[in-house]
Amino acid sequence: MNDVLSIDEYAALTEILALPKGARPSACVARNTKRLSGLKFIAHEKSGKLALTEKGRQTLFVKNCVDGLHLVAGNPAAKLDPGVLLFLEKKGHVARNAAGTLELTQRGRETLADIDGRTV
């Protein structure tokens, strides 16, 4: 995944995922449709509706996991999406402590440090 997306493009992907049936996409989606389609993150269905491709879903999930790591690092009592929490626990990035809140494991701290080191 070498395709670097802007905050606006991530917002468009999130909106497309949550777009109700028959609803019109916002200006944010319209601004980013051409690039996201070219990068194969979204595709037009036969009905004309925009939909995320598998690549788009995976990219959005990875972003949600990274955001979840940042969230837990800043607030151990944070609530994460169940799918993200399950993934991060299975991969050993977060664990529940005795108080029942989440905490980053050593692996989670290393991963977050690596991610933050690449984006700076």
PDB file of N, CA and C in Angstrom:
ATOM      1  N   MET A   1       0.834  -1.184   0.000  1.00  0.00           N
ATOM      2  CA  MET A   1       0.000   0.000   0.000  1.00  0.00           C
ATOM      3  C   MET A   1       0.877   1.245   0.000  1.00  0.00           C
ATOM      4  N   ASN A   2       1.402   1.594  -1.145  1.00  0.00           N
ATOM      5  CA  ASN A   2       2.231   2.781  -1.262  1.00  0.00           C
ATOM      6  C   ASN A   2       1.428   4.004  -1.657  1.00  0.00           C
ATOM      7  N   ASP A   3       0.139   3.846  -1.857  1.00  0.00           N
ATOM      8  CA  ASP A   3      -0.697   4.974  -2.232  1.00  0.00           C
ATOM      9  C   ASP A   3      -0.981   5.816  -0.997  1.00  0.00           C
ATOM     10  N   VAL A   4      -0.447   7.027  -0.983  1.00  0.00           N
ATOM     11  CA  VAL A   4      -0.649   7.921   0.154  1.00  0.00           C
ATOM     12  C   VAL A   4      -1.932   8.707  -0.084  1.00  0.00           C
ATOM     13  N   LEU A   5      -2.858   8.613   0.864  1.00  0.00           N
ATOM     14  CA  LEU A   5      -4.130   9.306   0.743  1.00  0.00           C
ATOM     15  C   LEU A   5      -4.179  10.487   1.691  1.00  0.00           C
ATOM     16  N   SER A   6      -4.905  11.502   1.297  1.00  0.00           N
ATOM     17  CA  SER A   6      -5.088  12.679   2.146  1.00  0.00           C
ATOM     18  C   SER A   6      -6.222  12.417   3.141  1.00  0.00           C
ATOM     19  N   ILE A   7      -6.327  13.298   4.110  1.00  0.00           N
ATOM     20  CA  ILE A   7      -7.411  13.199   5.093  1.00  0.00           C
ATOM     21  C   ILE A   7      -8.758  13.278   4.380  1.00  0.00           C
ATOM     22  N   ASP A   8      -8.855  14.141   3.387  1.00  0.00           N
ATOM     23  CA  ASP A   8     -10.089  14.307   2.619  1.00  0.00           C
ATOM     24  C   ASP A   8     -10.450  13.020   1.873  1.00  0.00           C
ATOM     25  N   GLU A   9      -9.448  12.339   1.335  1.00  0.00           N
ATOM     26  CA  GLU A   9      -9.707  11.088   0.609  1.00  0.00           C
ATOM     27  C   GLU A   9     -10.146   9.975   1.566  1.00  0.00           C
ATOM     28  N   TYR A  10      -9.542   9.923   2.749  1.00  0.00           N
ATOM     29  CA  TYR A  10     -10.002   8.952   3.746  1.00  0.00           C
ATOM     30  C   TYR A  10     -11.438   9.252   4.168  1.00  0.00           C
ATOM     31  N   ALA A  11     -11.757  10.528   4.313  1.00  0.00           N
ATOM     32  CA  ALA A  11     -13.125  10.922   4.674  1.00  0.00           C
ATOM     33  C   ALA A  11     -14.107  10.475   3.589  1.00  0.00           C
ATOM     34  N   ALA A  12     -13.702  10.598   2.328  1.00  0.00           N
ATOM     35  CA  ALA A  12     -14.559  10.171   1.223  1.00  0.00           C
ATOM     36  C   ALA A  12     -14.781   8.659   1.262  1.00  0.00           C
ATOM     37  N   LEU A  13     -13.724   7.890   1.540  1.00  0.00           N
ATOM     38  CA  LEU A  13     -13.873   6.434   1.637  1.00  0.00           C
ATOM     39  C   LEU A  13     -14.829   6.061   2.767  1.00  0.00           C
ATOM     40  N   THR A  14     -14.691   6.718   3.898  1.00  0.00           N
ATOM     41  CA  THR A  14     -15.562   6.450   5.038  1.00  0.00           C
ATOM     42  C   THR A  14     -17.010   6.777   4.701  1.00  0.00           C
ATOM     43  N   GLU A  15     -17.210   7.888   4.007  1.00  0.00           N
ATOM     44  CA  GLU A  15     -18.571   8.281   3.642  1.00  0.00           C
ATOM     45  C   GLU A  15     -19.192   7.312   2.646  1.00  0.00           C
ATOM     46  N   ILE A  16     -18.407   6.852   1.683  1.00  0.00           N
ATOM     47  CA  ILE A  16     -18.927   5.899   0.697  1.00  0.00           C
ATOM     48  C   ILE A  16     -19.342   4.607   1.396  1.00  0.00           C
ATOM     49  N   LEU A  17     -18.560   4.173   2.375  1.00  0.00           N
ATOM     50  CA  LEU A  17     -18.882   2.956   3.110  1.00  0.00           C
ATOM     51  C   LEU A  17     -20.209   3.091   3.859  1.00  0.00           C
ATOM     52  N   ALA A  18     -20.470   4.277   4.410  1.00  0.00           N
ATOM     53  CA  ALA A  18     -21.663   4.492   5.236  1.00  0.00           C
ATOM     54  C   ALA A  18     -22.837   5.092   4.463  1.00  0.00           C
ATOM     55  N   LEU A  19     -22.670   5.324   3.177  1.00  0.00           N
ATOM     56  CA  LEU A  19     -23.703   5.980   2.383  1.00  0.00           C
ATOM     57  C   LEU A  19     -24.959   5.107   2.289  1.00  0.00           C
ATOM     58  N   PRO A  20     -26.108   5.631   2.716  1.00  0.00           N
ATOM     59  CA  PRO A  20     -27.350   4.854   2.623  1.00  0.00           C
ATOM     60  C   PRO A  20     -27.742   4.611   1.156  1.00  0.00           C
ATOM     61  N   LYS A  21     -28.502   3.568   0.960  1.00  0.00           N
ATOM     62  CA  LYS A  21     -28.940   3.217  -0.383  1.00  0.00           C
ATOM     63  C   LYS A  21     -29.775   4.348  -0.978  1.00  0.00           C
ATOM     64  N   GLY A  22     -29.434   4.752  -2.173  1.00  0.00           N
ATOM     65  CA  GLY A  22     -30.176   5.784  -2.876  1.00  0.00           C
ATOM     66  C   GLY A  22     -29.780   7.205  -2.517  1.00  0.00           C
ATOM     67  N   ALA A  23     -28.890   7.382  -1.545  1.00  0.00           N
ATOM     68  CA  ALA A  23     -28.471   8.725  -1.142  1.00  0.00           C
ATOM     69  C   ALA A  23     -27.400   9.250  -2.090  1.00  0.00           C
ATOM     70  N   ARG A  24     -27.364  10.559  -2.212  1.00  0.00           N
ATOM     71  CA  ARG A  24     -26.361  11.191  -3.066  1.00  0.00           C
ATOM     72  C   ARG A  24     -25.099  11.446  -2.258  1.00  0.00           C
ATOM     73  N   PRO A  25     -23.942  11.192  -2.862  1.00  0.00           N
ATOM     74  CA  PRO A  25     -22.691  11.464  -2.153  1.00  0.00           C
ATOM     75  C   PRO A  25     -22.460  12.965  -2.012  1.00  0.00           C
ATOM     76  N   SER A  26     -21.663  13.326  -1.023  1.00  0.00           N
ATOM     77  CA  SER A  26     -21.385  14.738  -0.749  1.00  0.00           C
ATOM     78  C   SER A  26     -20.336  15.280  -1.718  1.00  0.00           C
ATOM     79  N   ALA A  27     -20.049  16.561  -1.570  1.00  0.00           N
ATOM     80  CA  ALA A  27     -19.030  17.216  -2.392  1.00  0.00           C
ATOM     81  C   ALA A  27     -17.650  16.614  -2.122  1.00  0.00           C
ATOM     82  N   CYS A  28     -17.422  16.167  -0.903  1.00  0.00           N
ATOM     83  CA  CYS A  28     -16.148  15.530  -0.551  1.00  0.00           C
ATOM     84  C   CYS A  28     -15.918  14.295  -1.427  1.00  0.00           C
ATOM     85  N   VAL A  29     -16.924  13.486  -1.566  1.00  0.00           N
ATOM     86  CA  VAL A  29     -16.828  12.282  -2.399  1.00  0.00           C
ATOM     87  C   VAL A  29     -16.646  12.691  -3.861  1.00  0.00           C
ATOM     88  N   ALA A  30     -17.403  13.662  -4.316  1.00  0.00           N
ATOM     89  CA  ALA A  30     -17.315  14.107  -5.708  1.00  0.00           C
ATOM     90  C   ALA A  30     -15.916  14.617  -6.043  1.00  0.00           C
ATOM     91  N   ARG A  31     -15.289  15.347  -5.104  1.00  0.00           N
ATOM     92  CA  ARG A  31     -13.941  15.881  -5.330  1.00  0.00           C
ATOM     93  C   ARG A  31     -12.906  14.781  -5.476  1.00  0.00           C
ATOM     94  N   ASN A  32     -13.122  13.662  -4.803  1.00  0.00           N
ATOM     95  CA  ASN A  32     -12.100  12.618  -4.731  1.00  0.00           C
ATOM     96  C   ASN A  32     -12.398  11.373  -5.560  1.00  0.00           C
ATOM     97  N   THR A  33     -13.532  11.347  -6.218  1.00  0.00           N
ATOM     98  CA  THR A  33     -13.943  10.160  -6.963  1.00  0.00           C
ATOM     99  C   THR A  33     -12.948   9.763  -8.045  1.00  0.00           C
ATOM    100  N   LYS A  34     -12.485  10.704  -8.813  1.00  0.00           N
ATOM    101  CA  LYS A  34     -11.600  10.388  -9.935  1.00  0.00           C
ATOM    102  C   LYS A  34     -10.298   9.743  -9.457  1.00  0.00           C
ATOM    103  N   ARG A  35      -9.680  10.334  -8.450  1.00  0.00           N
ATOM    104  CA  ARG A  35      -8.404   9.794  -7.960  1.00  0.00           C
ATOM    105  C   ARG A  35      -8.600   8.448  -7.274  1.00  0.00           C
ATOM    106  N   LEU A  36      -9.613   8.342  -6.412  1.00  0.00           N
ATOM    107  CA  LEU A  36      -9.853   7.086  -5.707  1.00  0.00           C
ATOM    108  C   LEU A  36     -10.226   5.962  -6.661  1.00  0.00           C
ATOM    109  N   SER A  37     -10.933   6.301  -7.709  1.00  0.00           N
ATOM    110  CA  SER A  37     -11.284   5.314  -8.721  1.00  0.00           C
ATOM    111  C   SER A  37     -10.039   4.890  -9.505  1.00  0.00           C
ATOM    112  N   GLY A  38      -9.201   5.850  -9.830  1.00  0.00           N
ATOM    113  CA  GLY A  38      -7.963   5.556 -10.555  1.00  0.00           C
ATOM    114  C   GLY A  38      -7.015   4.683  -9.750  1.00  0.00           C
ATOM    115  N   LEU A  39      -6.997   4.872  -8.446  1.00  0.00           N
ATOM    116  CA  LEU A  39      -6.147   4.066  -7.574  1.00  0.00           C
ATOM    117  C   LEU A  39      -6.803   2.735  -7.190  1.00  0.00           C
ATOM    118  N   LYS A  40      -7.994   2.495  -7.688  1.00  0.00           N
ATOM    119  CA  LYS A  40      -8.753   1.254  -7.468  1.00  0.00           C
ATOM    120  C   LYS A  40      -9.230   1.081  -6.023  1.00  0.00           C
ATOM    121  N   PHE A  41      -9.532   2.202  -5.343  1.00  0.00           N
ATOM    122  CA  PHE A  41     -10.109   2.141  -4.011  1.00  0.00           C
ATOM    123  C   PHE A  41     -11.630   2.098  -4.076  1.00  0.00           C
ATOM    124  N   ILE A  42     -12.201   2.662  -5.122  1.00  0.00           N
ATOM    125  CA  ILE A  42     -13.651   2.639  -5.306  1.00  0.00           C
ATOM    126  C   ILE A  42     -13.951   2.246  -6.746  1.00  0.00           C
ATOM    127  N   ALA A  43     -15.170   1.822  -6.972  1.00  0.00           N
ATOM    128  CA  ALA A  43     -15.613   1.451  -8.317  1.00  0.00           C
ATOM    129  C   ALA A  43     -17.093   1.795  -8.445  1.00  0.00           C
ATOM    130  N   HIS A  44     -17.527   1.998  -9.657  1.00  0.00           N
ATOM    131  CA  HIS A  44     -18.935   2.243  -9.925  1.00  0.00           C
ATOM    132  C   HIS A  44     -19.619   0.899 -10.136  1.00  0.00           C
ATOM    133  N   GLU A  45     -20.711   0.682  -9.408  1.00  0.00           N
ATOM    134  CA  GLU A  45     -21.498  -0.537  -9.607  1.00  0.00           C
ATOM    135  C   GLU A  45     -22.339  -0.388 -10.860  1.00  0.00           C
ATOM    136  N   LYS A  46     -22.971  -1.460 -11.296  1.00  0.00           N
ATOM    137  CA  LYS A  46     -23.828  -1.410 -12.477  1.00  0.00           C
ATOM    138  C   LYS A  46     -24.971  -0.421 -12.306  1.00  0.00           C
ATOM    139  N   SER A  47     -25.408  -0.243 -11.072  1.00  0.00           N
ATOM    140  CA  SER A  47     -26.506   0.686 -10.799  1.00  0.00           C
ATOM    141  C   SER A  47     -26.042   2.140 -10.816  1.00  0.00           C
ATOM    142  N   GLY A  48     -24.728   2.355 -10.901  1.00  0.00           N
ATOM    143  CA  GLY A  48     -24.191   3.710 -10.903  1.00  0.00           C
ATOM    144  C   GLY A  48     -23.723   4.173  -9.540  1.00  0.00           C
ATOM    145  N   LYS A  49     -24.030   3.399  -8.503  1.00  0.00           N
ATOM    146  CA  LYS A  49     -23.626   3.745  -7.141  1.00  0.00           C
ATOM    147  C   LYS A  49     -22.132   3.488  -6.951  1.00  0.00           C
ATOM    148  N   LEU A  50     -21.499   4.320  -6.121  1.00  0.00           N
ATOM    149  CA  LEU A  50     -20.097   4.110  -5.785  1.00  0.00           C
ATOM    150  C   LEU A  50     -19.992   3.075  -4.680  1.00  0.00           C
ATOM    151  N   ALA A  51     -18.980   2.224  -4.773  1.00  0.00           N
ATOM    152  CA  ALA A  51     -18.755   1.203  -3.752  1.00  0.00           C
ATOM    153  C   ALA A  51     -17.259   1.036  -3.536  1.00  0.00           C
ATOM    154  N   LEU A  52     -16.898   0.681  -2.320  1.00  0.00           N
ATOM    155  CA  LEU A  52     -15.497   0.416  -2.027  1.00  0.00           C
ATOM    156  C   LEU A  52     -15.085  -0.918  -2.632  1.00  0.00           C
ATOM    157  N   THR A  53     -13.878  -0.972  -3.152  1.00  0.00           N
ATOM    158  CA  THR A  53     -13.312  -2.232  -3.613  1.00  0.00           C
ATOM    159  C   THR A  53     -12.694  -2.921  -2.409  1.00  0.00           C
ATOM    160  N   GLU A  54     -12.217  -4.109  -2.593  1.00  0.00           N
ATOM    161  CA  GLU A  54     -11.550  -4.824  -1.500  1.00  0.00           C
ATOM    162  C   GLU A  54     -10.324  -4.031  -1.029  1.00  0.00           C
ATOM    163  N   LYS A  55      -9.600  -3.450  -1.968  1.00  0.00           N
ATOM    164  CA  LYS A  55      -8.439  -2.627  -1.628  1.00  0.00           C
ATOM    165  C   LYS A  55      -8.866  -1.428  -0.778  1.00  0.00           C
ATOM    166  N   GLY A  56      -9.978  -0.819  -1.111  1.00  0.00           N
ATOM    167  CA  GLY A  56     -10.484   0.312  -0.354  1.00  0.00           C
ATOM    168  C   GLY A  56     -10.899  -0.090   1.052  1.00  0.00           C
ATOM    169  N   ARG A  57     -11.554  -1.237   1.178  1.00  0.00           N
ATOM    170  CA  ARG A  57     -11.968  -1.728   2.501  1.00  0.00           C
ATOM    171  C   ARG A  57     -10.747  -2.041   3.378  1.00  0.00           C
ATOM    172  N   GLN A  58      -9.751  -2.674   2.797  1.00  0.00           N
ATOM    173  CA  GLN A  58      -8.555  -3.010   3.554  1.00  0.00           C
ATOM    174  C   GLN A  58      -7.815  -1.752   4.001  1.00  0.00           C
ATOM    175  N   THR A  59      -7.712  -0.788   3.123  1.00  0.00           N
ATOM    176  CA  THR A  59      -7.026   0.463   3.458  1.00  0.00           C
ATOM    177  C   THR A  59      -7.738   1.176   4.588  1.00  0.00           C
ATOM    178  N   LEU A  60      -9.044   1.233   4.525  1.00  0.00           N
ATOM    179  CA  LEU A  60      -9.828   1.881   5.573  1.00  0.00           C
ATOM    180  C   LEU A  60      -9.695   1.128   6.899  1.00  0.00           C
ATOM    181  N   PHE A  61      -9.667  -0.203   6.849  1.00  0.00           N
ATOM    182  CA  PHE A  61      -9.503  -1.002   8.065  1.00  0.00           C
ATOM    183  C   PHE A  61      -8.132  -0.763   8.691  1.00  0.00           C
ATOM    184  N   VAL A  62      -7.090  -0.720   7.880  1.00  0.00           N
ATOM    185  CA  VAL A  62      -5.741  -0.469   8.397  1.00  0.00           C
ATOM    186  C   VAL A  62      -5.673   0.910   9.042  1.00  0.00           C
ATOM    187  N   LYS A  63      -6.285   1.905   8.412  1.00  0.00           N
ATOM    188  CA  LYS A  63      -6.302   3.245   8.995  1.00  0.00           C
ATOM    189  C   LYS A  63      -7.042   3.237  10.328  1.00  0.00           C
ATOM    190  N   ASN A  64      -8.158   2.524  10.403  1.00  0.00           N
ATOM    191  CA  ASN A  64      -8.908   2.429  11.657  1.00  0.00           C
ATOM    192  C   ASN A  64      -8.094   1.729  12.745  1.00  0.00           C
ATOM    193  N   CYS A  65      -7.283   0.744  12.373  1.00  0.00           N
ATOM    194  CA  CYS A  65      -6.428   0.061  13.343  1.00  0.00           C
ATOM    195  C   CYS A  65      -5.337   0.996  13.864  1.00  0.00           C
ATOM    196  N   VAL A  66      -4.722   1.754  12.980  1.00  0.00           N
ATOM    197  CA  VAL A  66      -3.694   2.713  13.396  1.00  0.00           C
ATOM    198  C   VAL A  66      -4.311   3.789  14.284  1.00  0.00           C
ATOM    199  N   ASP A  67      -5.479   4.291  13.890  1.00  0.00           N
ATOM    200  CA  ASP A  67      -6.180   5.272  14.725  1.00  0.00           C
ATOM    201  C   ASP A  67      -6.527   4.676  16.084  1.00  0.00           C
ATOM    202  N   GLY A  68      -6.888   3.387  16.113  1.00  0.00           N
ATOM    203  CA  GLY A  68      -7.196   2.705  17.368  1.00  0.00           C
ATOM    204  C   GLY A  68      -5.979   2.604  18.272  1.00  0.00           C
ATOM    205  N   LEU A  69      -4.816   2.327  17.687  1.00  0.00           N
ATOM    206  CA  LEU A  69      -3.587   2.287  18.484  1.00  0.00           C
ATOM    207  C   LEU A  69      -3.294   3.649  19.104  1.00  0.00           C
ATOM    208  N   HIS A  70      -3.443   4.706  18.303  1.00  0.00           N
ATOM    209  CA  HIS A  70      -3.233   6.063  18.825  1.00  0.00           C
ATOM    210  C   HIS A  70      -4.242   6.379  19.936  1.00  0.00           C
ATOM    211  N   LEU A  71      -5.469   5.960  19.743  1.00  0.00           N
ATOM    212  CA  LEU A  71      -6.518   6.227  20.715  1.00  0.00           C
ATOM    213  C   LEU A  71      -6.233   5.532  22.048  1.00  0.00           C
ATOM    214  N   VAL A  72      -5.833   4.274  21.996  1.00  0.00           N
ATOM    215  CA  VAL A  72      -5.528   3.531  23.216  1.00  0.00           C
ATOM    216  C   VAL A  72      -4.284   4.111  23.897  1.00  0.00           C
ATOM    217  N   ALA A  73      -3.322   4.561  23.113  1.00  0.00           N
ATOM    218  CA  ALA A  73      -2.115   5.155  23.698  1.00  0.00           C
ATOM    219  C   ALA A  73      -2.460   6.416  24.484  1.00  0.00           C
ATOM    220  N   GLY A  74      -3.442   7.172  24.013  1.00  0.00           N
ATOM    221  CA  GLY A  74      -3.827   8.402  24.683  1.00  0.00           C
ATOM    222  C   GLY A  74      -4.891   8.234  25.747  1.00  0.00           C
ATOM    223  N   ASN A  75      -5.728   7.188  25.616  1.00  0.00           N
ATOM    224  CA  ASN A  75      -6.842   7.007  26.539  1.00  0.00           C
ATOM    225  C   ASN A  75      -7.137   5.508  26.680  1.00  0.00           C
ATOM    226  N   PRO A  76      -6.635   4.863  27.732  1.00  0.00           N
ATOM    227  CA  PRO A  76      -6.856   3.425  27.907  1.00  0.00           C
ATOM    228  C   PRO A  76      -8.331   3.026  28.032  1.00  0.00           C
ATOM    229  N   ALA A  77      -9.195   3.956  28.387  1.00  0.00           N
ATOM    230  CA  ALA A  77     -10.620   3.643  28.523  1.00  0.00           C
ATOM    231  C   ALA A  77     -11.377   3.859  27.217  1.00  0.00           C
ATOM    232  N   ALA A  78     -10.671   4.094  26.143  1.00  0.00           N
ATOM    233  CA  ALA A  78     -11.296   4.377  24.849  1.00  0.00           C
ATOM    234  C   ALA A  78     -12.086   3.168  24.350  1.00  0.00           C
ATOM    235  N   LYS A  79     -13.163   3.451  23.628  1.00  0.00           N
ATOM    236  CA  LYS A  79     -13.980   2.403  23.012  1.00  0.00           C
ATOM    237  C   LYS A  79     -13.562   2.276  21.542  1.00  0.00           C
ATOM    238  N   LEU A  80     -13.215   1.077  21.141  1.00  0.00           N
ATOM    239  CA  LEU A  80     -12.819   0.807  19.762  1.00  0.00           C
ATOM    240  C   LEU A  80     -13.911   0.032  19.054  1.00  0.00           C
ATOM    241  N   ASP A  81     -13.912   0.136  17.739  1.00  0.00           N
ATOM    242  CA  ASP A  81     -14.793  -0.675  16.911  1.00  0.00           C
ATOM    243  C   ASP A  81     -14.507  -2.147  17.240  1.00  0.00           C
ATOM    244  N   PRO A  82     -15.549  -2.970  17.375  1.00  0.00           N
ATOM    245  CA  PRO A  82     -15.326  -4.371  17.755  1.00  0.00           C
ATOM    246  C   PRO A  82     -14.376  -5.128  16.815  1.00  0.00           C
ATOM    247  N   GLY A  83     -14.475  -4.889  15.524  1.00  0.00           N
ATOM    248  CA  GLY A  83     -13.598  -5.570  14.571  1.00  0.00           C
ATOM    249  C   GLY A  83     -12.152  -5.144  14.731  1.00  0.00           C
ATOM    250  N   VAL A  84     -11.945  -3.858  14.959  1.00  0.00           N
ATOM    251  CA  VAL A  84     -10.593  -3.329  15.162  1.00  0.00           C
ATOM    252  C   VAL A  84     -10.021  -3.873  16.458  1.00  0.00           C
ATOM    253  N   LEU A  85     -10.821  -3.869  17.524  1.00  0.00           N
ATOM    254  CA  LEU A  85     -10.370  -4.379  18.819  1.00  0.00           C
ATOM    255  C   LEU A  85      -9.983  -5.849  18.717  1.00  0.00           C
ATOM    256  N   LEU A  86     -10.811  -6.635  18.074  1.00  0.00           N
ATOM    257  CA  LEU A  86     -10.531  -8.060  17.912  1.00  0.00           C
ATOM    258  C   LEU A  86      -9.211  -8.263  17.165  1.00  0.00           C
ATOM    259  N   PHE A  87      -9.018  -7.523  16.085  1.00  0.00           N
ATOM    260  CA  PHE A  87      -7.801  -7.647  15.290  1.00  0.00           C
ATOM    261  C   PHE A  87      -6.572  -7.259  16.119  1.00  0.00           C
ATOM    262  N   LEU A  88      -6.636  -6.125  16.807  1.00  0.00           N
ATOM    263  CA  LEU A  88      -5.490  -5.659  17.589  1.00  0.00           C
ATOM    264  C   LEU A  88      -5.164  -6.594  18.749  1.00  0.00           C
ATOM    265  N   GLU A  89      -6.199  -7.201  19.346  1.00  0.00           N
ATOM    266  CA  GLU A  89      -5.953  -8.172  20.410  1.00  0.00           C
ATOM    267  C   GLU A  89      -5.341  -9.460  19.855  1.00  0.00           C
ATOM    268  N   LYS A  90      -5.861  -9.953  18.742  1.00  0.00           N
ATOM    269  CA  LYS A  90      -5.335 -11.176  18.145  1.00  0.00           C
ATOM    270  C   LYS A  90      -3.884 -11.024  17.715  1.00  0.00           C
ATOM    271  N   LYS A  91      -3.531  -9.845  17.222  1.00  0.00           N
ATOM    272  CA  LYS A  91      -2.165  -9.600  16.766  1.00  0.00           C
ATOM    273  C   LYS A  91      -1.226  -9.206  17.897  1.00  0.00           C
ATOM    274  N   GLY A  92      -1.763  -9.081  19.107  1.00  0.00           N
ATOM    275  CA  GLY A  92      -0.928  -8.800  20.263  1.00  0.00           C
ATOM    276  C   GLY A  92      -0.502  -7.350  20.396  1.00  0.00           C
ATOM    277  N   HIS A  93      -1.275  -6.429  19.846  1.00  0.00           N
ATOM    278  CA  HIS A  93      -0.940  -5.007  19.943  1.00  0.00           C
ATOM    279  C   HIS A  93      -1.569  -4.346  21.162  1.00  0.00           C
ATOM    280  N   VAL A  94      -2.717  -4.836  21.600  1.00  0.00           N
ATOM    281  CA  VAL A  94      -3.368  -4.317  22.802  1.00  0.00           C
ATOM    282  C   VAL A  94      -3.798  -5.497  23.672  1.00  0.00           C
ATOM    283  N   ALA A  95      -3.919  -5.209  24.961  1.00  0.00           N
ATOM    284  CA  ALA A  95      -4.377  -6.229  25.918  1.00  0.00           C
ATOM    285  C   ALA A  95      -5.174  -5.526  27.004  1.00  0.00           C
ATOM    286  N   ARG A  96      -6.016  -6.280  27.657  1.00  0.00           N
ATOM    287  CA  ARG A  96      -6.786  -5.735  28.782  1.00  0.00           C
ATOM    288  C   ARG A  96      -5.939  -5.887  30.048  1.00  0.00           C
ATOM    289  N   ASN A  97      -5.911  -4.828  30.844  1.00  0.00           N
ATOM    290  CA  ASN A  97      -5.180  -4.902  32.110  1.00  0.00           C
ATOM    291  C   ASN A  97      -6.128  -5.328  33.227  1.00  0.00           C
ATOM    292  N   ALA A  98      -5.645  -5.347  34.466  1.00  0.00           N
ATOM    293  CA  ALA A  98      -6.443  -5.802  35.607  1.00  0.00           C
ATOM    294  C   ALA A  98      -7.670  -4.925  35.840  1.00  0.00           C
ATOM    295  N   ALA A  99      -7.573  -3.653  35.479  1.00  0.00           N
ATOM    296  CA  ALA A  99      -8.700  -2.730  35.664  1.00  0.00           C
ATOM    297  C   ALA A  99      -9.753  -2.886  34.569  1.00  0.00           C
ATOM    298  N   GLY A 100      -9.462  -3.697  33.560  1.00  0.00           N
ATOM    299  CA  GLY A 100     -10.421  -3.909  32.480  1.00  0.00           C
ATOM    300  C   GLY A 100     -10.295  -2.915  31.337  1.00  0.00           C
ATOM    301  N   THR A 101      -9.348  -2.010  31.426  1.00  0.00           N
ATOM    302  CA  THR A 101      -9.127  -1.062  30.331  1.00  0.00           C
ATOM    303  C   THR A 101      -8.072  -1.621  29.387  1.00  0.00           C
ATOM    304  N   LEU A 102      -7.941  -1.001  28.258  1.00  0.00           N
ATOM    305  CA  LEU A 102      -6.971  -1.449  27.263  1.00  0.00           C
ATOM    306  C   LEU A 102      -5.618  -0.796  27.503  1.00  0.00           C
ATOM    307  N   GLU A 103      -4.571  -1.516  27.122  1.00  0.00           N
ATOM    308  CA  GLU A 103      -3.238  -0.933  27.151  1.00  0.00           C
ATOM    309  C   GLU A 103      -2.445  -1.493  25.982  1.00  0.00           C
ATOM    310  N   LEU A 104      -1.513  -0.697  25.517  1.00  0.00           N
ATOM    311  CA  LEU A 104      -0.653  -1.151  24.442  1.00  0.00           C
ATOM    312  C   LEU A 104       0.348  -2.157  24.994  1.00  0.00           C
ATOM    313  N   THR A 105       0.572  -3.214  24.256  1.00  0.00           N
ATOM    314  CA  THR A 105       1.613  -4.167  24.621  1.00  0.00           C
ATOM    315  C   THR A 105       2.939  -3.627  24.100  1.00  0.00           C
ATOM    316  N   GLN A 106       4.016  -4.326  24.412  1.00  0.00           N
ATOM    317  CA  GLN A 106       5.328  -3.918  23.892  1.00  0.00           C
ATOM    318  C   GLN A 106       5.295  -3.908  22.369  1.00  0.00           C
ATOM    319  N   ARG A 107       4.671  -4.908  21.806  1.00  0.00           N
ATOM    320  CA  ARG A 107       4.559  -4.985  20.348  1.00  0.00           C
ATOM    321  C   ARG A 107       3.754  -3.806  19.800  1.00  0.00           C
ATOM    322  N   GLY A 108       2.690  -3.438  20.475  1.00  0.00           N
ATOM    323  CA  GLY A 108       1.871  -2.303  20.059  1.00  0.00           C
ATOM    324  C   GLY A 108       2.637  -0.994  20.116  1.00  0.00           C
ATOM    325  N   ARG A 109       3.437  -0.817  21.189  1.00  0.00           N
ATOM    326  CA  ARG A 109       4.250   0.404  21.302  1.00  0.00           C
ATOM    327  C   ARG A 109       5.289   0.472  20.197  1.00  0.00           C
ATOM    328  N   GLU A 110       5.914  -0.673  19.888  1.00  0.00           N
ATOM    329  CA  GLU A 110       6.920  -0.714  18.816  1.00  0.00           C
ATOM    330  C   GLU A 110       6.280  -0.413  17.464  1.00  0.00           C
ATOM    331  N   THR A 111       5.122  -0.992  17.233  1.00  0.00           N
ATOM    332  CA  THR A 111       4.416  -0.757  15.976  1.00  0.00           C
ATOM    333  C   THR A 111       4.048   0.711  15.826  1.00  0.00           C
ATOM    334  N   LEU A 112       3.529   1.295  16.883  1.00  0.00           N
ATOM    335  CA  LEU A 112       3.137   2.713  16.859  1.00  0.00           C
ATOM    336  C   LEU A 112       4.351   3.608  16.660  1.00  0.00           C
ATOM    337  N   ALA A 113       5.460   3.281  17.302  1.00  0.00           N
ATOM    338  CA  ALA A 113       6.685   4.065  17.128  1.00  0.00           C
ATOM    339  C   ALA A 113       7.183   3.972  15.693  1.00  0.00           C
ATOM    340  N   ASP A 114       7.067   2.780  15.107  1.00  0.00           N
ATOM    341  CA  ASP A 114       7.486   2.585  13.720  1.00  0.00           C
ATOM    342  C   ASP A 114       6.591   3.387  12.770  1.00  0.00           C
ATOM    343  N   ILE A 115       5.293   3.351  12.998  1.00  0.00           N
ATOM    344  CA  ILE A 115       4.344   4.081  12.152  1.00  0.00           C
ATOM    345  C   ILE A 115       4.588   5.578  12.272  1.00  0.00           C
ATOM    346  N   ASP A 116       4.739   6.062  13.497  1.00  0.00           N
ATOM    347  CA  ASP A 116       4.963   7.494  13.713  1.00  0.00           C
ATOM    348  C   ASP A 116       6.305   7.942  13.142  1.00  0.00           C
ATOM    349  N   GLY A 117       7.288   7.073  13.172  1.00  0.00           N
ATOM    350  CA  GLY A 117       8.605   7.386  12.611  1.00  0.00           C
ATOM    351  C   GLY A 117       8.582   7.526  11.098  1.00  0.00           C
ATOM    352  N   ARG A 118       7.697   6.802  10.450  1.00  0.00           N
ATOM    353  CA  ARG A 118       7.606   6.865   8.983  1.00  0.00           C
ATOM    354  C   ARG A 118       6.819   8.049   8.497  1.00  0.00           C
ATOM    355  N   THR A 119       5.874   8.523   9.294  1.00  0.00           N
ATOM    356  CA  THR A 119       5.012   9.611   8.834  1.00  0.00           C
ATOM    357  C   THR A 119       5.575  10.979   9.155  1.00  0.00           C
ATOM    358  N   VAL A 120       6.614  11.048   9.954  1.00  0.00           N
ATOM    359  CA  VAL A 120       7.167  12.357  10.323  1.00  0.00           C
ATOM    360  C   VAL A 120       8.091  12.857   9.262  1.00  0.00           C
TER     361      VAL A 120
END
